[in-house]
Protein backbone atom coordinates (compact mmCIF):
# COMPACT_ATOMS: atom_id res chain seq x y z
CA MET A 1 0.09 0.07 -0.06
CA ASP A 2 1.44 3.37 -0.98
CA PRO A 3 0.12 5.78 1.83
CA THR A 4 0.22 8.73 -0.66
CA GLU A 5 -2.65 7.16 -2.67
CA LEU A 6 -4.92 6.78 0.17
CA THR A 7 -8.01 9.21 0.60
CA VAL A 8 -8.18 11.09 3.88
CA VAL A 9 -10.82 8.57 4.99
CA GLY A 10 -8.72 5.70 4.16
CA ALA A 11 -5.60 7.02 5.81
CA ARG A 12 -7.46 7.85 8.85
CA ALA A 13 -8.92 4.29 8.92
CA ALA A 14 -5.63 2.73 8.40
CA ILE A 15 -4.24 4.71 11.34
CA ALA A 16 -7.12 3.76 13.48
CA ALA A 17 -6.59 0.11 12.83
CA GLY A 18 -3.01 0.31 13.47
CA GLU A 19 -2.19 -0.61 9.83
CA LEU A 20 -0.42 3.05 9.27
CA SER A 21 1.15 5.10 11.64
CA PRO A 22 1.11 9.06 11.37
CA VAL A 23 5.01 8.98 10.95
CA GLU A 24 4.89 6.51 8.39
CA LEU A 25 2.21 8.45 6.62
CA LEU A 26 4.24 11.59 7.00
CA ASP A 27 7.41 10.26 5.74
CA ALA A 28 5.62 8.96 2.54
CA VAL A 29 4.12 12.23 1.97
CA LEU A 30 7.52 14.01 2.51
CA GLN A 31 9.07 11.89 0.10
CA ARG A 32 6.55 12.55 -2.50
CA ILE A 33 7.09 16.14 -2.04
CA ALA A 34 10.78 15.60 -2.33
CA ASP A 35 10.43 13.72 -5.46
CA ARG A 36 7.99 15.98 -7.24
CA ASN A 37 8.23 19.41 -6.03
CA ASP A 38 11.02 20.59 -8.23
CA GLU A 39 8.66 19.78 -11.16
CA LEU A 40 5.49 20.84 -9.55
CA ARG A 41 6.74 23.67 -7.46
CA ALA A 42 3.63 23.23 -5.34
CA TYR A 43 5.37 24.00 -1.99
CA LEU A 44 7.29 27.17 -1.09
CA LEU A 45 8.26 25.91 2.33
CA VAL A 46 8.02 22.37 4.15
CA ASP A 47 8.16 22.45 7.91
CA GLU A 48 9.66 18.96 8.14
CA ASP A 49 10.66 19.30 11.83
CA GLY A 50 7.19 20.63 12.88
CA ALA A 51 5.56 17.97 10.81
CA ARG A 52 7.56 15.30 12.43
CA GLU A 53 6.64 16.61 15.72
CA ALA A 54 3.08 16.72 15.19
CA ALA A 55 3.10 13.24 13.54
CA ARG A 56 5.00 11.70 16.68
CA ALA A 57 2.34 13.43 19.00
CA ALA A 58 -0.36 12.08 16.79
CA GLU A 59 1.06 8.66 16.89
CA ALA A 60 1.17 8.66 20.87
CA ALA A 61 -2.45 10.19 20.98
CA ALA A 62 -3.64 7.38 18.64
CA ARG A 63 -2.14 4.81 20.75
CA GLU A 64 -4.02 6.17 23.76
CA GLY A 65 -7.31 5.85 21.94
CA ASP A 66 -7.72 9.47 20.59
CA ASP A 67 -10.02 9.01 17.52
CA ARG A 68 -10.23 12.62 16.33
CA PRO A 69 -11.33 12.49 12.60
CA LEU A 70 -8.19 14.13 11.11
CA LEU A 71 -5.57 12.75 13.81
CA GLY A 72 -2.20 12.04 11.92
CA ILE A 73 -3.37 13.38 8.56
CA PRO A 74 -0.77 15.79 7.46
CA ILE A 75 -2.10 18.98 5.89
CA CYS A 76 -1.00 21.74 3.69
CA VAL A 77 -1.67 25.33 4.55
CA LYS A 78 -2.04 27.94 1.58
CA ASP A 79 0.57 30.64 1.93
CA VAL A 80 -2.19 33.37 2.28
CA ILE A 81 -3.06 31.91 5.81
CA ASP A 82 -1.06 33.25 8.62
CA VAL A 83 0.89 30.58 10.64
CA ALA A 84 2.96 31.77 13.59
CA GLY A 85 6.68 31.44 12.71
CA MET A 86 6.09 30.57 9.02
CA PRO A 87 6.41 33.15 6.32
CA THR A 88 3.17 34.43 4.77
CA THR A 89 3.93 35.40 1.15
CA ALA A 90 0.45 35.22 -0.76
CA GLY A 91 2.73 33.68 -3.81
CA ALA A 92 4.21 37.16 -4.30
CA ALA A 93 7.94 37.44 -5.09
CA HIS A 94 8.44 40.85 -3.22
CA TRP A 95 5.99 40.66 -0.40
CA ARG A 96 6.11 38.64 2.81
CA ARG A 97 5.38 39.02 6.57
CA GLU A 98 6.31 37.04 9.39
CA PRO A 99 3.09 36.58 11.74
CA ALA A 100 3.51 36.24 15.34
CA VAL A 101 0.11 34.48 15.69
CA ASP A 102 -1.98 32.01 13.83
CA ALA A 103 -4.84 33.06 11.63
CA GLY A 104 -8.31 31.93 12.77
CA ALA A 105 -8.37 29.55 9.89
CA PHE A 106 -5.22 27.90 11.17
CA ALA A 107 -5.31 27.33 15.01
CA PRO A 108 -4.59 23.67 15.88
CA ASP A 109 -4.79 24.41 19.60
CA ARG A 110 -7.96 26.43 19.40
CA ALA A 111 -9.52 23.66 17.14
CA VAL A 112 -9.50 21.36 20.08
CA GLU A 113 -10.84 24.01 22.24
CA VAL A 114 -13.61 25.14 19.95
CA ALA A 115 -14.55 21.48 19.54
CA ALA A 116 -15.00 20.89 23.20
CA HIS A 117 -17.43 23.83 23.68
């Protein structure tokens, strides 16, 4: 099974069943990006360290029974959405900013908080 060929639903089911770990899924996705990004130029920045940290945390959470619907699924954030510590460029060659806080559309810590209310 090539994890990069799975749908989100299929990947989440494989993670929940213990057939695929979030770290294995991330490794496959990062390899696909490395293999194709020179040609496709789809990613300006790939936060491998942050992604690996999140995948390891998701793997631990899954082992503890966490069954959130997107747990362990790697995401891509369009560069028009502020993510603290990552450049926002809006695809412009001569414009960028370094946001200090996440946009409301990308707030991983708040997503859990909002879902709990």
